[in-house]
Amino acid sequence: MDNTTLWTYSLIAGAVVIVIVALLLILIIQAARRIDYHANEIWEAGKKIAGNTVSIWMLQTTNVVAGDILKTAQSIAGVASDINQKLDTLGQALAKGR
């Protein structure tokens, strides 16, 4: 084998290696883009889920406040009932005194 033939085979082998490396690099870039796309989709879905569920943690506080409001309303209703009974009694006493 002379130098020219050896040189030609070396160039062909180098070209084949470069083509294979280029193809692998293209495949890696495509895979990275797909991963980036799906990661972005997951991120967007996560943001929507977070937006839809952000107020759930506040329900415990809401329940406590609603319970306090109920107790106060029941107390007011009891006092109003007592006032109503006293006014009825006073009205009956005043009506008898006429």
PDB file of N, CA and C in Angstrom:
ATOM      1  N   MET A   1       0.839  -1.168   0.000  1.00  0.00           N
ATOM      2  CA  MET A   1       0.000   0.000   0.000  1.00  0.00           C
ATOM      3  C   MET A   1       0.892   1.243   0.000  1.00  0.00           C
ATOM      4  N   ASP A   2       0.641   2.092  -0.912  1.00  0.00           N
ATOM      5  CA  ASP A   2       1.456   3.292  -0.984  1.00  0.00           C
ATOM      6  C   ASP A   2       0.864   4.402  -0.108  1.00  0.00           C
ATOM      7  N   ASN A   3       1.569   5.478  -0.007  1.00  0.00           N
ATOM      8  CA  ASN A   3       1.162   6.589   0.868  1.00  0.00           C
ATOM      9  C   ASN A   3      -0.139   7.240   0.412  1.00  0.00           C
ATOM     10  N   THR A   4      -0.377   7.326  -0.844  1.00  0.00           N
ATOM     11  CA  THR A   4      -1.585   7.961  -1.357  1.00  0.00           C
ATOM     12  C   THR A   4      -2.818   7.156  -0.981  1.00  0.00           C
ATOM     13  N   THR A   5      -2.740   5.846  -1.099  1.00  0.00           N
ATOM     14  CA  THR A   5      -3.864   4.985  -0.753  1.00  0.00           C
ATOM     15  C   THR A   5      -4.121   5.051   0.759  1.00  0.00           C
ATOM     16  N   LEU A   6      -3.098   5.002   1.528  1.00  0.00           N
ATOM     17  CA  LEU A   6      -3.229   5.099   2.978  1.00  0.00           C
ATOM     18  C   LEU A   6      -3.840   6.449   3.380  1.00  0.00           C
ATOM     19  N   TRP A   7      -3.367   7.489   2.738  1.00  0.00           N
ATOM     20  CA  TRP A   7      -3.891   8.837   2.987  1.00  0.00           C
ATOM     21  C   TRP A   7      -5.372   8.903   2.608  1.00  0.00           C
ATOM     22  N   THR A   8      -5.783   8.326   1.520  1.00  0.00           N
ATOM     23  CA  THR A   8      -7.175   8.326   1.069  1.00  0.00           C
ATOM     24  C   THR A   8      -8.049   7.575   2.062  1.00  0.00           C
ATOM     25  N   TYR A   9      -7.598   6.403   2.495  1.00  0.00           N
ATOM     26  CA  TYR A   9      -8.374   5.638   3.474  1.00  0.00           C
ATOM     27  C   TYR A   9      -8.512   6.399   4.792  1.00  0.00           C
ATOM     28  N   SER A  10      -7.487   7.072   5.195  1.00  0.00           N
ATOM     29  CA  SER A  10      -7.535   7.864   6.430  1.00  0.00           C
ATOM     30  C   SER A  10      -8.529   9.008   6.301  1.00  0.00           C
ATOM     31  N   LEU A  11      -8.542   9.670   5.170  1.00  0.00           N
ATOM     32  CA  LEU A  11      -9.500  10.758   4.942  1.00  0.00           C
ATOM     33  C   LEU A  11     -10.934  10.243   4.925  1.00  0.00           C
ATOM     34  N   ILE A  12     -11.143   9.102   4.299  1.00  0.00           N
ATOM     35  CA  ILE A  12     -12.495   8.506   4.258  1.00  0.00           C
ATOM     36  C   ILE A  12     -12.931   8.112   5.665  1.00  0.00           C
ATOM     37  N   ALA A  13     -12.054   7.499   6.431  1.00  0.00           N
ATOM     38  CA  ALA A  13     -12.386   7.105   7.805  1.00  0.00           C
ATOM     39  C   ALA A  13     -12.682   8.350   8.645  1.00  0.00           C
ATOM     40  N   GLY A  14     -11.894   9.390   8.500  1.00  0.00           N
ATOM     41  CA  GLY A  14     -12.134  10.645   9.235  1.00  0.00           C
ATOM     42  C   GLY A  14     -13.471  11.258   8.862  1.00  0.00           C
ATOM     43  N   ALA A  15     -13.798  11.230   7.570  1.00  0.00           N
ATOM     44  CA  ALA A  15     -15.068  11.789   7.107  1.00  0.00           C
ATOM     45  C   ALA A  15     -16.245  10.996   7.681  1.00  0.00           C
ATOM     46  N   VAL A  16     -16.106   9.665   7.721  1.00  0.00           N
ATOM     47  CA  VAL A  16     -17.162   8.821   8.287  1.00  0.00           C
ATOM     48  C   VAL A  16     -17.344   9.128   9.770  1.00  0.00           C
ATOM     49  N   VAL A  17     -16.251   9.277  10.493  1.00  0.00           N
ATOM     50  CA  VAL A  17     -16.328   9.604  11.918  1.00  0.00           C
ATOM     51  C   VAL A  17     -16.993  10.960  12.113  1.00  0.00           C
ATOM     52  N   ILE A  18     -16.635  11.934  11.304  1.00  0.00           N
ATOM     53  CA  ILE A  18     -17.240  13.270  11.407  1.00  0.00           C
ATOM     54  C   ILE A  18     -18.731  13.211  11.127  1.00  0.00           C
ATOM     55  N   VAL A  19     -19.143  12.445  10.128  1.00  0.00           N
ATOM     56  CA  VAL A  19     -20.574  12.317   9.806  1.00  0.00           C
ATOM     57  C   VAL A  19     -21.308  11.645  10.968  1.00  0.00           C
ATOM     58  N   ILE A  20     -20.738  10.594  11.531  1.00  0.00           N
ATOM     59  CA  ILE A  20     -21.383   9.895  12.656  1.00  0.00           C
ATOM     60  C   ILE A  20     -21.503  10.828  13.862  1.00  0.00           C
ATOM     61  N   VAL A  21     -20.436  11.556  14.153  1.00  0.00           N
ATOM     62  CA  VAL A  21     -20.471  12.498  15.282  1.00  0.00           C
ATOM     63  C   VAL A  21     -21.503  13.589  15.033  1.00  0.00           C
ATOM     64  N   ALA A  22     -21.573  14.087  13.800  1.00  0.00           N
ATOM     65  CA  ALA A  22     -22.557  15.120  13.472  1.00  0.00           C
ATOM     66  C   ALA A  22     -23.976  14.587  13.636  1.00  0.00           C
ATOM     67  N   LEU A  23     -24.237  13.356  13.191  1.00  0.00           N
ATOM     68  CA  LEU A  23     -25.566  12.761  13.344  1.00  0.00           C
ATOM     69  C   LEU A  23     -25.921  12.575  14.819  1.00  0.00           C
ATOM     70  N   LEU A  24     -24.959  12.097  15.601  1.00  0.00           N
ATOM     71  CA  LEU A  24     -25.206  11.930  17.036  1.00  0.00           C
ATOM     72  C   LEU A  24     -25.473  13.271  17.708  1.00  0.00           C
ATOM     73  N   LEU A  25     -24.735  14.291  17.311  1.00  0.00           N
ATOM     74  CA  LEU A  25     -24.945  15.620  17.868  1.00  0.00           C
ATOM     75  C   LEU A  25     -26.335  16.158  17.512  1.00  0.00           C
ATOM     76  N   ILE A  26     -26.762  15.927  16.281  1.00  0.00           N
ATOM     77  CA  ILE A  26     -28.111  16.344  15.855  1.00  0.00           C
ATOM     78  C   ILE A  26     -29.165  15.617  16.684  1.00  0.00           C
ATOM     79  N   LEU A  27     -28.979  14.316  16.912  1.00  0.00           N
ATOM     80  CA  LEU A  27     -29.930  13.547  17.723  1.00  0.00           C
ATOM     81  C   LEU A  27     -29.957  14.047  19.167  1.00  0.00           C
ATOM     82  N   ILE A  28     -28.798  14.394  19.700  1.00  0.00           N
ATOM     83  CA  ILE A  28     -28.743  14.925  21.067  1.00  0.00           C
ATOM     84  C   ILE A  28     -29.463  16.270  21.144  1.00  0.00           C
ATOM     85  N   ILE A  29     -29.264  17.127  20.165  1.00  0.00           N
ATOM     86  CA  ILE A  29     -29.937  18.431  20.152  1.00  0.00           C
ATOM     87  C   ILE A  29     -31.447  18.251  20.056  1.00  0.00           C
ATOM     88  N   GLN A  30     -31.905  17.337  19.205  1.00  0.00           N
ATOM     89  CA  GLN A  30     -33.340  17.081  19.097  1.00  0.00           C
ATOM     90  C   GLN A  30     -33.907  16.556  20.413  1.00  0.00           C
ATOM     91  N   ALA A  31     -33.207  15.651  21.065  1.00  0.00           N
ATOM     92  CA  ALA A  31     -33.663  15.114  22.349  1.00  0.00           C
ATOM     93  C   ALA A  31     -33.713  16.222  23.398  1.00  0.00           C
ATOM     94  N   ALA A  32     -32.719  17.094  23.400  1.00  0.00           N
ATOM     95  CA  ALA A  32     -32.699  18.209  24.359  1.00  0.00           C
ATOM     96  C   ALA A  32     -33.874  19.150  24.119  1.00  0.00           C
ATOM     97  N   ARG A  33     -34.198  19.401  22.870  1.00  0.00           N
ATOM     98  CA  ARG A  33     -35.347  20.272  22.561  1.00  0.00           C
ATOM     99  C   ARG A  33     -36.659  19.628  23.009  1.00  0.00           C
ATOM    100  N   ARG A  34     -36.785  18.304  22.800  1.00  0.00           N
ATOM    101  CA  ARG A  34     -37.998  17.613  23.253  1.00  0.00           C
ATOM    102  C   ARG A  34     -38.101  17.660  24.778  1.00  0.00           C
ATOM    103  N   ILE A  35     -36.978  17.442  25.445  1.00  0.00           N
ATOM    104  CA  ILE A  35     -36.973  17.510  26.909  1.00  0.00           C
ATOM    105  C   ILE A  35     -37.357  18.911  27.373  1.00  0.00           C
ATOM    106  N   ASP A  36     -36.808  19.920  26.737  1.00  0.00           N
ATOM    107  CA  ASP A  36     -37.129  21.305  27.097  1.00  0.00           C
ATOM    108  C   ASP A  36     -38.609  21.595  26.867  1.00  0.00           C
ATOM    109  N   TYR A  37     -39.152  21.119  25.760  1.00  0.00           N
ATOM    110  CA  TYR A  37     -40.570  21.333  25.462  1.00  0.00           C
ATOM    111  C   TYR A  37     -41.446  20.683  26.533  1.00  0.00           C
ATOM    112  N   HIS A  38     -41.165  19.428  26.861  1.00  0.00           N
ATOM    113  CA  HIS A  38     -41.975  18.722  27.853  1.00  0.00           C
ATOM    114  C   HIS A  38     -41.789  19.309  29.252  1.00  0.00           C
ATOM    115  N   ALA A  39     -40.577  19.745  29.568  1.00  0.00           N
ATOM    116  CA  ALA A  39     -40.353  20.393  30.860  1.00  0.00           C
ATOM    117  C   ALA A  39     -41.149  21.688  30.952  1.00  0.00           C
ATOM    118  N   ASN A  40     -41.225  22.426  29.858  1.00  0.00           N
ATOM    119  CA  ASN A  40     -42.018  23.659  29.833  1.00  0.00           C
ATOM    120  C   ASN A  40     -43.505  23.351  29.998  1.00  0.00           C
ATOM    121  N   GLU A  41     -43.978  22.299  29.357  1.00  0.00           N
ATOM    122  CA  GLU A  41     -45.378  21.896  29.499  1.00  0.00           C
ATOM    123  C   GLU A  41     -45.680  21.515  30.956  1.00  0.00           C
ATOM    124  N   ILE A  42     -44.766  20.780  31.580  1.00  0.00           N
ATOM    125  CA  ILE A  42     -44.939  20.402  32.983  1.00  0.00           C
ATOM    126  C   ILE A  42     -44.951  21.647  33.858  1.00  0.00           C
ATOM    127  N   TRP A  43     -44.060  22.586  33.582  1.00  0.00           N
ATOM    128  CA  TRP A  43     -43.988  23.833  34.352  1.00  0.00           C
ATOM    129  C   TRP A  43     -45.303  24.603  34.237  1.00  0.00           C
ATOM    130  N   GLU A  44     -45.830  24.726  33.026  1.00  0.00           N
ATOM    131  CA  GLU A  44     -47.093  25.451  32.820  1.00  0.00           C
ATOM    132  C   GLU A  44     -48.241  24.748  33.550  1.00  0.00           C
ATOM    133  N   ALA A  45     -48.295  23.425  33.470  1.00  0.00           N
ATOM    134  CA  ALA A  45     -49.342  22.676  34.170  1.00  0.00           C
ATOM    135  C   ALA A  45     -49.211  22.867  35.673  1.00  0.00           C
ATOM    136  N   GLY A  46     -47.985  22.857  36.172  1.00  0.00           N
ATOM    137  CA  GLY A  46     -47.761  23.074  37.605  1.00  0.00           C
ATOM    138  C   GLY A  46     -48.205  24.448  38.050  1.00  0.00           C
ATOM    139  N   LYS A  47     -47.954  25.459  37.227  1.00  0.00           N
ATOM    140  CA  LYS A  47     -48.394  26.819  37.573  1.00  0.00           C
ATOM    141  C   LYS A  47     -49.915  26.901  37.600  1.00  0.00           C
ATOM    142  N   LYS A  48     -50.577  26.221  36.667  1.00  0.00           N
ATOM    143  CA  LYS A  48     -52.043  26.228  36.658  1.00  0.00           C
ATOM    144  C   LYS A  48     -52.592  25.520  37.890  1.00  0.00           C
ATOM    145  N   ILE A  49     -51.996  24.398  38.240  1.00  0.00           N
ATOM    146  CA  ILE A  49     -52.432  23.668  39.437  1.00  0.00           C
ATOM    147  C   ILE A  49     -52.237  24.527  40.674  1.00  0.00           C
ATOM    148  N   ALA A  50     -51.088  25.176  40.766  1.00  0.00           N
ATOM    149  CA  ALA A  50     -50.820  26.044  41.915  1.00  0.00           C
ATOM    150  C   ALA A  50     -51.816  27.197  41.977  1.00  0.00           C
ATOM    151  N   GLY A  51     -52.130  27.766  40.820  1.00  0.00           N
ATOM    152  CA  GLY A  51     -53.102  28.859  40.781  1.00  0.00           C
ATOM    153  C   GLY A  51     -54.494  28.411  41.192  1.00  0.00           C
ATOM    154  N   ASN A  52     -54.844  27.193  40.832  1.00  0.00           N
ATOM    155  CA  ASN A  52     -56.173  26.689  41.158  1.00  0.00           C
ATOM    156  C   ASN A  52     -56.292  26.216  42.602  1.00  0.00           C
ATOM    157  N   THR A  53     -55.178  25.918  43.244  1.00  0.00           N
ATOM    158  CA  THR A  53     -55.244  25.364  44.598  1.00  0.00           C
ATOM    159  C   THR A  53     -54.658  26.291  45.649  1.00  0.00           C
ATOM    160  N   VAL A  54     -54.302  27.511  45.280  1.00  0.00           N
ATOM    161  CA  VAL A  54     -53.639  28.416  46.219  1.00  0.00           C
ATOM    162  C   VAL A  54     -54.529  28.754  47.413  1.00  0.00           C
ATOM    163  N   SER A  55     -55.821  28.788  47.229  1.00  0.00           N
ATOM    164  CA  SER A  55     -56.696  29.203  48.326  1.00  0.00           C
ATOM    165  C   SER A  55     -57.102  28.054  49.248  1.00  0.00           C
ATOM    166  N   ILE A  56     -56.737  26.833  48.920  1.00  0.00           N
ATOM    167  CA  ILE A  56     -57.138  25.695  49.752  1.00  0.00           C
ATOM    168  C   ILE A  56     -56.548  25.799  51.150  1.00  0.00           C
ATOM    169  N   TRP A  57     -55.305  26.246  51.275  1.00  0.00           N
ATOM    170  CA  TRP A  57     -54.680  26.334  52.591  1.00  0.00           C
ATOM    171  C   TRP A  57     -55.369  27.369  53.465  1.00  0.00           C
ATOM    172  N   MET A  58     -56.072  28.313  52.836  1.00  0.00           N
ATOM    173  CA  MET A  58     -56.754  29.344  53.604  1.00  0.00           C
ATOM    174  C   MET A  58     -58.099  28.861  54.141  1.00  0.00           C
ATOM    175  N   LEU A  59     -58.573  27.702  53.722  1.00  0.00           N
ATOM    176  CA  LEU A  59     -59.866  27.203  54.177  1.00  0.00           C
ATOM    177  C   LEU A  59     -59.890  26.943  55.676  1.00  0.00           C
ATOM    178  N   GLN A  60     -58.791  26.500  56.251  1.00  0.00           N
ATOM    179  CA  GLN A  60     -58.743  26.263  57.693  1.00  0.00           C
ATOM    180  C   GLN A  60     -59.001  27.566  58.444  1.00  0.00           C
ATOM    181  N   THR A  61     -58.354  28.634  58.025  1.00  0.00           N
ATOM    182  CA  THR A  61     -58.570  29.943  58.641  1.00  0.00           C
ATOM    183  C   THR A  61     -60.007  30.391  58.425  1.00  0.00           C
ATOM    184  N   THR A  62     -60.527  30.168  57.228  1.00  0.00           N
ATOM    185  CA  THR A  62     -61.905  30.547  56.926  1.00  0.00           C
ATOM    186  C   THR A  62     -62.873  29.786  57.826  1.00  0.00           C
ATOM    187  N   ASN A  63     -62.632  28.508  58.031  1.00  0.00           N
ATOM    188  CA  ASN A  63     -63.504  27.702  58.889  1.00  0.00           C
ATOM    189  C   ASN A  63     -63.475  28.204  60.326  1.00  0.00           C
ATOM    190  N   VAL A  64     -62.308  28.583  60.825  1.00  0.00           N
ATOM    191  CA  VAL A  64     -62.201  29.096  62.193  1.00  0.00           C
ATOM    192  C   VAL A  64     -62.964  30.410  62.320  1.00  0.00           C
ATOM    193  N   VAL A  65     -62.777  31.301  61.361  1.00  0.00           N
ATOM    194  CA  VAL A  65     -63.472  32.596  61.394  1.00  0.00           C
ATOM    195  C   VAL A  65     -64.975  32.397  61.263  1.00  0.00           C
ATOM    196  N   ALA A  66     -65.393  31.489  60.383  1.00  0.00           N
ATOM    197  CA  ALA A  66     -66.825  31.218  60.226  1.00  0.00           C
ATOM    198  C   ALA A  66     -67.420  30.672  61.526  1.00  0.00           C
ATOM    199  N   GLY A  67     -66.668  29.833  62.225  1.00  0.00           N
ATOM    200  CA  GLY A  67     -67.136  29.318  63.519  1.00  0.00           C
ATOM    201  C   GLY A  67     -67.285  30.438  64.535  1.00  0.00           C
ATOM    202  N   ASP A  68     -66.337  31.371  64.567  1.00  0.00           N
ATOM    203  CA  ASP A  68     -66.430  32.524  65.468  1.00  0.00           C
ATOM    204  C   ASP A  68     -67.636  33.394  65.126  1.00  0.00           C
ATOM    205  N   ILE A  69     -67.855  33.603  63.838  1.00  0.00           N
ATOM    206  CA  ILE A  69     -69.016  34.400  63.405  1.00  0.00           C
ATOM    207  C   ILE A  69     -70.313  33.712  63.822  1.00  0.00           C
ATOM    208  N   LEU A  70     -70.382  32.393  63.682  1.00  0.00           N
ATOM    209  CA  LEU A  70     -71.572  31.647  64.070  1.00  0.00           C
ATOM    210  C   LEU A  70     -71.831  31.783  65.568  1.00  0.00           C
ATOM    211  N   LYS A  71     -70.777  31.644  66.381  1.00  0.00           N
ATOM    212  CA  LYS A  71     -70.953  31.795  67.834  1.00  0.00           C
ATOM    213  C   LYS A  71     -71.459  33.191  68.180  1.00  0.00           C
ATOM    214  N   THR A  72     -70.882  34.214  67.544  1.00  0.00           N
ATOM    215  CA  THR A  72     -71.318  35.588  67.801  1.00  0.00           C
ATOM    216  C   THR A  72     -72.757  35.796  67.357  1.00  0.00           C
ATOM    217  N   ALA A  73     -73.111  35.266  66.194  1.00  0.00           N
ATOM    218  CA  ALA A  73     -74.487  35.411  65.699  1.00  0.00           C
ATOM    219  C   ALA A  73     -75.470  34.700  66.621  1.00  0.00           C
ATOM    220  N   GLN A  74     -75.093  33.530  67.116  1.00  0.00           N
ATOM    221  CA  GLN A  74     -75.973  32.823  68.043  1.00  0.00           C
ATOM    222  C   GLN A  74     -76.129  33.605  69.349  1.00  0.00           C
ATOM    223  N   SER A  75     -75.051  34.225  69.809  1.00  0.00           N
ATOM    224  CA  SER A  75     -75.109  35.045  71.019  1.00  0.00           C
ATOM    225  C   SER A  75     -76.025  36.247  70.799  1.00  0.00           C
ATOM    226  N   ILE A  76     -75.883  36.887  69.652  1.00  0.00           N
ATOM    227  CA  ILE A  76     -76.741  38.036  69.325  1.00  0.00           C
ATOM    228  C   ILE A  76     -78.196  37.605  69.227  1.00  0.00           C
ATOM    229  N   ALA A  77     -78.437  36.452  68.620  1.00  0.00           N
ATOM    230  CA  ALA A  77     -79.811  35.960  68.495  1.00  0.00           C
ATOM    231  C   ALA A  77     -80.409  35.686  69.874  1.00  0.00           C
ATOM    232  N   GLY A  78     -79.604  35.137  70.793  1.00  0.00           N
ATOM    233  CA  GLY A  78     -80.097  34.879  72.155  1.00  0.00           C
ATOM    234  C   GLY A  78     -80.431  36.171  72.877  1.00  0.00           C
ATOM    235  N   VAL A  79     -79.544  37.174  72.777  1.00  0.00           N
ATOM    236  CA  VAL A  79     -79.791  38.471  73.422  1.00  0.00           C
ATOM    237  C   VAL A  79     -81.004  39.146  72.796  1.00  0.00           C
ATOM    238  N   ALA A  80     -81.136  39.072  71.464  1.00  0.00           N
ATOM    239  CA  ALA A  80     -82.285  39.683  70.793  1.00  0.00           C
ATOM    240  C   ALA A  80     -83.571  38.999  71.225  1.00  0.00           C
ATOM    241  N   SER A  81     -83.546  37.701  71.409  1.00  0.00           N
ATOM    242  CA  SER A  81     -84.731  36.982  71.879  1.00  0.00           C
ATOM    243  C   SER A  81     -85.104  37.423  73.295  1.00  0.00           C
ATOM    244  N   ASP A  82     -84.098  37.586  74.167  1.00  0.00           N
ATOM    245  CA  ASP A  82     -84.361  38.069  75.528  1.00  0.00           C
ATOM    246  C   ASP A  82     -84.956  39.475  75.501  1.00  0.00           C
ATOM    247  N   ILE A  83     -84.403  40.338  74.653  1.00  0.00           N
ATOM    248  CA  ILE A  83     -84.933  41.707  74.536  1.00  0.00           C
ATOM    249  C   ILE A  83     -86.360  41.665  74.028  1.00  0.00           C
ATOM    250  N   ASN A  84     -86.635  40.815  73.067  1.00  0.00           N
ATOM    251  CA  ASN A  84     -87.978  40.698  72.515  1.00  0.00           C
ATOM    252  C   ASN A  84     -88.962  40.242  73.590  1.00  0.00           C
ATOM    253  N   GLN A  85     -88.573  39.266  74.401  1.00  0.00           N
ATOM    254  CA  GLN A  85     -89.448  38.795  75.470  1.00  0.00           C
ATOM    255  C   GLN A  85     -89.697  39.895  76.497  1.00  0.00           C
ATOM    256  N   LYS A  86     -88.664  40.639  76.852  1.00  0.00           N
ATOM    257  CA  LYS A  86     -88.825  41.728  77.821  1.00  0.00           C
ATOM    258  C   LYS A  86     -89.723  42.823  77.269  1.00  0.00           C
ATOM    259  N   LEU A  87     -89.578  43.119  75.974  1.00  0.00           N
ATOM    260  CA  LEU A  87     -90.442  44.139  75.371  1.00  0.00           C
ATOM    261  C   LEU A  87     -91.893  43.662  75.319  1.00  0.00           C
ATOM    262  N   ASP A  88     -92.089  42.371  75.039  1.00  0.00           N
ATOM    263  CA  ASP A  88     -93.446  41.820  75.050  1.00  0.00           C
ATOM    264  C   ASP A  88     -94.049  41.923  76.454  1.00  0.00           C
ATOM    265  N   THR A  89     -93.253  41.579  77.448  1.00  0.00           N
ATOM    266  CA  THR A  89     -93.727  41.652  78.824  1.00  0.00           C
ATOM    267  C   THR A  89     -94.037  43.092  79.202  1.00  0.00           C
ATOM    268  N   LEU A  90     -93.171  44.016  78.822  1.00  0.00           N
ATOM    269  CA  LEU A  90     -93.392  45.441  79.121  1.00  0.00           C
ATOM    270  C   LEU A  90     -94.632  45.925  78.390  1.00  0.00           C
ATOM    271  N   GLY A  91     -94.799  45.513  77.157  1.00  0.00           N
ATOM    272  CA  GLY A  91     -95.980  45.941  76.383  1.00  0.00           C
ATOM    273  C   GLY A  91     -97.275  45.418  77.008  1.00  0.00           C
ATOM    274  N   GLN A  92     -97.240  44.188  77.481  1.00  0.00           N
ATOM    275  CA  GLN A  92     -98.435  43.631  78.149  1.00  0.00           C
ATOM    276  C   GLN A  92     -98.706  44.361  79.464  1.00  0.00           C
ATOM    277  N   ALA A  93     -97.641  44.697  80.190  1.00  0.00           N
ATOM    278  CA  ALA A  93     -97.829  45.410  81.465  1.00  0.00           C
ATOM    279  C   ALA A  93     -98.356  46.793  81.219  1.00  0.00           C
ATOM    280  N   LEU A  94     -97.884  47.456  80.201  1.00  0.00           N
ATOM    281  CA  LEU A  94     -98.369  48.805  79.882  1.00  0.00           C
ATOM    282  C   LEU A  94     -99.822  48.758  79.389  1.00  0.00           C
ATOM    283  N   ALA A  95    -100.148  47.685  78.654  1.00  0.00           N
ATOM    284  CA  ALA A  95    -101.519  47.580  78.157  1.00  0.00           C
ATOM    285  C   ALA A  95    -102.483  47.338  79.289  1.00  0.00           C
ATOM    286  N   LYS A  96    -102.084  46.623  80.321  1.00  0.00           N
ATOM    287  CA  LYS A  96    -102.941  46.373  81.473  1.00  0.00           C
ATOM    288  C   LYS A  96    -103.132  47.633  82.313  1.00  0.00           C
ATOM    289  N   GLY A  97    -102.122  48.461  82.334  1.00  0.00           N
ATOM    290  CA  GLY A  97    -102.156  49.669  83.145  1.00  0.00           C
ATOM    291  C   GLY A  97    -103.040  50.732  82.545  1.00  0.00           C
ATOM    292  N   ARG A  98    -103.536  50.606  81.386  1.00  0.00           N
ATOM    293  CA  ARG A  98    -104.371  51.639  80.767  1.00  0.00           C
ATOM    294  C   ARG A  98    -105.725  51.580  81.257  1.00  0.00           C
TER     295      ARG A  98
END
